[in-house]
Amino acid sequence: MDAKEIQELINFIANSGLDEVNIATGEFKIKVKRHSATQLVSAAPVLGPSAQVTEMARVRTSQEENPVVAPAKVEVKNYTPIKSPMIGTFYRSVGPDKPVLVNVGDEIKKGQVVCIIEAMKLFNEIESEVAGRVVKVLVDNANPVEYDQELFLVEAI
């Protein structure tokens, strides 16, 4: 499987309502597990039985030490959220030395690029599906985001 096929599979599973899916090929295993509002995605090379047990114990220990906390949602009725269409890393600009794409207070148009999400070494431009004024940026630069996580709040103008 290539990166695009894996991303399509993750998006399909996220929209399907399934809680857990395991896929194994000769090259690797993929396990997608959804826990309430968060998703856990892991991919690992196929290892021998004893190495798999050690790897699973290491992953389980790190998950127990670093529990996933769902981000707080801002409950505002007259704002429209711009949500992440994928799992990845959120960036506010196209490069480290480039200016941010949108700031709080900026007016945006439908189809305007508002951020970048890196998923599996691919940089995806995320376009606004709404027009309005950016009221709040809900994610810090270079932080991981989940599928359907709110990134920005936009006020219709």
C-alpha atoms as a PDB file:
ATOM      1  CA  MET A   1       0.000   0.000   0.000  1.00  0.00           C
ATOM      2  CA  ASP A   2       1.223   3.488  -0.744  1.00  0.00           C
ATOM      3  CA  ALA A   3       0.588   6.608   1.327  1.00  0.00           C
ATOM      4  CA  LYS A   4      -2.440   7.670  -0.726  1.00  0.00           C
ATOM      5  CA  GLU A   5      -4.119   4.267  -0.355  1.00  0.00           C
ATOM      6  CA  ILE A   6      -3.523   4.318   3.402  1.00  0.00           C
ATOM      7  CA  GLN A   7      -4.982   7.841   3.717  1.00  0.00           C
ATOM      8  CA  GLU A   8      -8.032   6.816   1.653  1.00  0.00           C
ATOM      9  CA  LEU A   9      -8.477   3.754   3.872  1.00  0.00           C
ATOM     10  CA  ILE A  10      -8.282   5.879   7.036  1.00  0.00           C
ATOM     11  CA  ASN A  11     -10.825   8.361   5.636  1.00  0.00           C
ATOM     12  CA  PHE A  12     -13.168   5.519   4.624  1.00  0.00           C
ATOM     13  CA  ILE A  13     -12.966   3.932   8.064  1.00  0.00           C
ATOM     14  CA  ALA A  14     -13.490   7.289   9.782  1.00  0.00           C
ATOM     15  CA  ASN A  15     -16.699   7.809   7.802  1.00  0.00           C
ATOM     16  CA  SER A  16     -17.922   4.213   8.186  1.00  0.00           C
ATOM     17  CA  GLY A  17     -18.620   4.221  11.917  1.00  0.00           C
ATOM     18  CA  LEU A  18     -16.422   1.177  12.581  1.00  0.00           C
ATOM     19  CA  ASP A  19     -14.612   1.189  15.925  1.00  0.00           C
ATOM     20  CA  GLU A  20     -11.605  -0.946  14.968  1.00  0.00           C
ATOM     21  CA  VAL A  21     -10.006  -2.377  11.819  1.00  0.00           C
ATOM     22  CA  ASN A  22      -6.875  -4.532  11.481  1.00  0.00           C
ATOM     23  CA  ILE A  23      -5.190  -5.091   8.112  1.00  0.00           C
ATOM     24  CA  ALA A  24      -2.101  -7.226   7.602  1.00  0.00           C
ATOM     25  CA  THR A  25      -0.012  -7.740   4.460  1.00  0.00           C
ATOM     26  CA  GLY A  26       3.346  -9.372   3.938  1.00  0.00           C
ATOM     27  CA  GLU A  27       5.079  -6.017   4.456  1.00  0.00           C
ATOM     28  CA  PHE A  28       3.258  -4.383   7.375  1.00  0.00           C
ATOM     29  CA  LYS A  29       0.236  -4.302   9.648  1.00  0.00           C
ATOM     30  CA  ILE A  30      -2.151  -1.402  10.093  1.00  0.00           C
ATOM     31  CA  LYS A  31      -4.484  -1.061  13.043  1.00  0.00           C
ATOM     32  CA  VAL A  32      -7.049   1.736  13.149  1.00  0.00           C
ATOM     33  CA  LYS A  33      -8.949   2.084  16.402  1.00  0.00           C
ATOM     34  CA  ARG A  34     -11.462   4.756  17.353  1.00  0.00           C
ATOM     35  CA  HIS A  35     -12.083   5.634  20.997  1.00  0.00           C
ATOM     36  CA  SER A  36     -15.002   8.039  21.475  1.00  0.00           C
ATOM     37  CA  ALA A  37     -13.950  11.371  19.908  1.00  0.00           C
ATOM     38  CA  THR A  38     -10.322  10.413  19.205  1.00  0.00           C
ATOM     39  CA  GLN A  39      -8.645   8.057  16.770  1.00  0.00           C
ATOM     40  CA  LEU A  40      -5.483   6.034  17.138  1.00  0.00           C
ATOM     41  CA  VAL A  41      -3.595   4.986  14.036  1.00  0.00           C
ATOM     42  CA  SER A  42      -0.508   2.827  14.144  1.00  0.00           C
ATOM     43  CA  ALA A  43       1.535   1.161  11.441  1.00  0.00           C
ATOM     44  CA  ALA A  44       4.408  -1.203  12.092  1.00  0.00           C
ATOM     45  CA  PRO A  45       6.591  -3.534  10.040  1.00  0.00           C
ATOM     46  CA  VAL A  46       5.845  -7.257  10.392  1.00  0.00           C
ATOM     47  CA  LEU A  47       8.004  -8.623  13.191  1.00  0.00           C
ATOM     48  CA  GLY A  48       8.560 -12.052  14.664  1.00  0.00           C
ATOM     49  CA  PRO A  49       6.201 -13.190  17.493  1.00  0.00           C
ATOM     50  CA  SER A  50       8.532 -12.220  20.367  1.00  0.00           C
ATOM     51  CA  ALA A  51       9.376  -8.861  18.773  1.00  0.00           C
ATOM     52  CA  GLN A  52       5.659  -8.163  18.251  1.00  0.00           C
ATOM     53  CA  VAL A  53       4.920  -8.751  21.941  1.00  0.00           C
ATOM     54  CA  THR A  54       7.765  -6.414  22.933  1.00  0.00           C
ATOM     55  CA  GLU A  55       6.612  -3.736  20.470  1.00  0.00           C
ATOM     56  CA  MET A  56       2.977  -4.010  21.636  1.00  0.00           C
ATOM     57  CA  ALA A  57       4.092  -3.698  25.271  1.00  0.00           C
ATOM     58  CA  ARG A  58       6.182  -0.617  24.412  1.00  0.00           C
ATOM     59  CA  VAL A  59       3.267   1.011  22.555  1.00  0.00           C
ATOM     60  CA  ARG A  60       0.804   0.164  25.346  1.00  0.00           C
ATOM     61  CA  THR A  61       3.170   1.591  27.985  1.00  0.00           C
ATOM     62  CA  SER A  62       3.702   4.823  26.055  1.00  0.00           C
ATOM     63  CA  GLN A  63      -0.066   5.196  25.582  1.00  0.00           C
ATOM     64  CA  GLU A  64      -0.654   4.744  29.309  1.00  0.00           C
ATOM     65  CA  GLU A  65       2.011   7.344  30.118  1.00  0.00           C
ATOM     66  CA  ASN A  66       0.702   9.808  27.506  1.00  0.00           C
ATOM     67  CA  PRO A  67      -3.097   9.494  27.380  1.00  0.00           C
ATOM     68  CA  VAL A  68      -4.840  11.122  24.431  1.00  0.00           C
ATOM     69  CA  VAL A  69      -6.906  14.089  25.547  1.00  0.00           C
ATOM     70  CA  ALA A  70      -9.643  15.378  23.284  1.00  0.00           C
ATOM     71  CA  PRO A  71      -9.344  19.116  22.585  1.00  0.00           C
ATOM     72  CA  ALA A  72     -11.937  21.338  24.202  1.00  0.00           C
ATOM     73  CA  LYS A  73     -14.634  22.561  21.853  1.00  0.00           C
ATOM     74  CA  VAL A  74     -15.768  26.146  21.924  1.00  0.00           C
ATOM     75  CA  GLU A  75     -19.554  26.292  22.047  1.00  0.00           C
ATOM     76  CA  VAL A  76     -20.521  29.349  20.016  1.00  0.00           C
ATOM     77  CA  LYS A  77     -23.682  29.195  17.937  1.00  0.00           C
ATOM     78  CA  ASN A  78     -23.053  31.929  15.382  1.00  0.00           C
ATOM     79  CA  TYR A  79     -19.557  30.781  14.346  1.00  0.00           C
ATOM     80  CA  THR A  80     -18.852  28.207  11.642  1.00  0.00           C
ATOM     81  CA  PRO A  81     -15.890  25.875  12.191  1.00  0.00           C
ATOM     82  CA  ILE A  82     -13.356  24.932   9.543  1.00  0.00           C
ATOM     83  CA  LYS A  83     -12.556  21.276  10.246  1.00  0.00           C
ATOM     84  CA  SER A  84      -9.624  19.059   9.369  1.00  0.00           C
ATOM     85  CA  PRO A  85     -10.404  16.668   6.501  1.00  0.00           C
ATOM     86  CA  MET A  86      -7.610  14.313   7.603  1.00  0.00           C
ATOM     87  CA  ILE A  87      -5.233  13.201  10.317  1.00  0.00           C
ATOM     88  CA  GLY A  88      -1.852  14.930  10.221  1.00  0.00           C
ATOM     89  CA  THR A  89       0.263  17.831  11.411  1.00  0.00           C
ATOM     90  CA  PHE A  90      -1.234  21.336  11.262  1.00  0.00           C
ATOM     91  CA  TYR A  91       0.830  24.216   9.876  1.00  0.00           C
ATOM     92  CA  ARG A  92      -0.336  27.840   9.618  1.00  0.00           C
ATOM     93  CA  SER A  93       2.107  28.715   6.796  1.00  0.00           C
ATOM     94  CA  VAL A  94       3.555  27.045   3.716  1.00  0.00           C
ATOM     95  CA  GLY A  95       7.073  27.139   5.152  1.00  0.00           C
ATOM     96  CA  PRO A  96       8.963  28.021   8.327  1.00  0.00           C
ATOM     97  CA  ASP A  97      10.155  31.336   6.898  1.00  0.00           C
ATOM     98  CA  LYS A  98       6.825  32.234   5.239  1.00  0.00           C
ATOM     99  CA  PRO A  99       4.025  34.342   6.780  1.00  0.00           C
ATOM    100  CA  VAL A 100       0.930  32.630   8.186  1.00  0.00           C
ATOM    101  CA  LEU A 101      -1.875  32.086   5.703  1.00  0.00           C
ATOM    102  CA  VAL A 102      -4.635  33.588   7.878  1.00  0.00           C
ATOM    103  CA  ASN A 103      -4.746  35.504  11.167  1.00  0.00           C
ATOM    104  CA  VAL A 104      -7.553  36.259  13.582  1.00  0.00           C
ATOM    105  CA  GLY A 105      -9.556  39.120  12.097  1.00  0.00           C
ATOM    106  CA  ASP A 106      -8.734  38.269   8.463  1.00  0.00           C
ATOM    107  CA  GLU A 107     -11.586  38.039   5.982  1.00  0.00           C
ATOM    108  CA  ILE A 108     -11.481  34.790   4.013  1.00  0.00           C
ATOM    109  CA  LYS A 109     -13.280  33.608   0.911  1.00  0.00           C
ATOM    110  CA  LYS A 110     -14.684  30.195   0.106  1.00  0.00           C
ATOM    111  CA  GLY A 111     -11.887  28.163  -1.502  1.00  0.00           C
ATOM    112  CA  GLN A 112      -9.078  30.219   0.068  1.00  0.00           C
ATOM    113  CA  VAL A 113      -6.173  28.183   1.498  1.00  0.00           C
ATOM    114  CA  VAL A 114      -6.188  28.657   5.278  1.00  0.00           C
ATOM    115  CA  CYS A 115      -3.576  26.115   6.450  1.00  0.00           C
ATOM    116  CA  ILE A 116      -1.447  23.116   5.522  1.00  0.00           C
ATOM    117  CA  ILE A 117      -1.829  19.605   6.935  1.00  0.00           C
ATOM    118  CA  GLU A 118       1.073  17.234   6.513  1.00  0.00           C
ATOM    119  CA  ALA A 119       0.029  13.603   6.285  1.00  0.00           C
ATOM    120  CA  MET A 120       2.607  10.926   5.532  1.00  0.00           C
ATOM    121  CA  LYS A 121       5.128  13.432   4.103  1.00  0.00           C
ATOM    122  CA  LEU A 122       2.495  14.980   1.818  1.00  0.00           C
ATOM    123  CA  PHE A 123       1.633  18.639   2.375  1.00  0.00           C
ATOM    124  CA  ASN A 124      -2.081  19.222   1.761  1.00  0.00           C
ATOM    125  CA  GLU A 125      -3.508  22.718   1.308  1.00  0.00           C
ATOM    126  CA  ILE A 126      -6.735  23.046   3.281  1.00  0.00           C
ATOM    127  CA  GLU A 127      -9.266  25.395   1.712  1.00  0.00           C
ATOM    128  CA  SER A 128     -12.064  27.173   3.522  1.00  0.00           C
ATOM    129  CA  GLU A 129     -15.547  25.911   2.775  1.00  0.00           C
ATOM    130  CA  VAL A 130     -17.056  29.130   4.138  1.00  0.00           C
ATOM    131  CA  ALA A 131     -16.600  32.870   3.672  1.00  0.00           C
ATOM    132  CA  GLY A 132     -16.287  35.191   6.629  1.00  0.00           C
ATOM    133  CA  ARG A 133     -13.936  36.608   9.255  1.00  0.00           C
ATOM    134  CA  VAL A 134     -11.541  34.360  11.230  1.00  0.00           C
ATOM    135  CA  VAL A 135     -12.511  34.682  14.895  1.00  0.00           C
ATOM    136  CA  LYS A 136     -10.259  32.082  16.492  1.00  0.00           C
ATOM    137  CA  VAL A 137      -7.432  29.690  15.595  1.00  0.00           C
ATOM    138  CA  LEU A 138      -8.089  26.524  17.610  1.00  0.00           C
ATOM    139  CA  VAL A 139      -4.829  24.634  16.934  1.00  0.00           C
ATOM    140  CA  ASP A 140      -1.240  25.669  17.598  1.00  0.00           C
ATOM    141  CA  ASN A 141       1.257  25.533  14.747  1.00  0.00           C
ATOM    142  CA  ALA A 142       3.017  22.171  14.180  1.00  0.00           C
ATOM    143  CA  ASN A 143       0.563  20.249  16.394  1.00  0.00           C
ATOM    144  CA  PRO A 144      -1.107  16.999  15.368  1.00  0.00           C
ATOM    145  CA  VAL A 145      -4.772  17.118  14.369  1.00  0.00           C
ATOM    146  CA  GLU A 146      -7.463  14.465  14.117  1.00  0.00           C
ATOM    147  CA  TYR A 147      -9.947  13.865  11.343  1.00  0.00           C
ATOM    148  CA  ASP A 148     -12.886  16.305  11.664  1.00  0.00           C
ATOM    149  CA  GLN A 149     -11.144  18.353  14.391  1.00  0.00           C
ATOM    150  CA  GLU A 150     -12.057  22.034  14.414  1.00  0.00           C
ATOM    151  CA  LEU A 151      -9.151  24.211  13.229  1.00  0.00           C
ATOM    152  CA  PHE A 152     -10.662  27.698  12.929  1.00  0.00           C
ATOM    153  CA  LEU A 153     -13.869  29.497  13.883  1.00  0.00           C
ATOM    154  CA  VAL A 154     -15.292  31.792  11.221  1.00  0.00           C
ATOM    155  CA  GLU A 155     -17.985  34.454  11.629  1.00  0.00           C
ATOM    156  CA  ALA A 156     -20.192  35.050   8.605  1.00  0.00           C
ATOM    157  CA  ILE A 157     -20.032  38.647   7.382  1.00  0.00           C
END
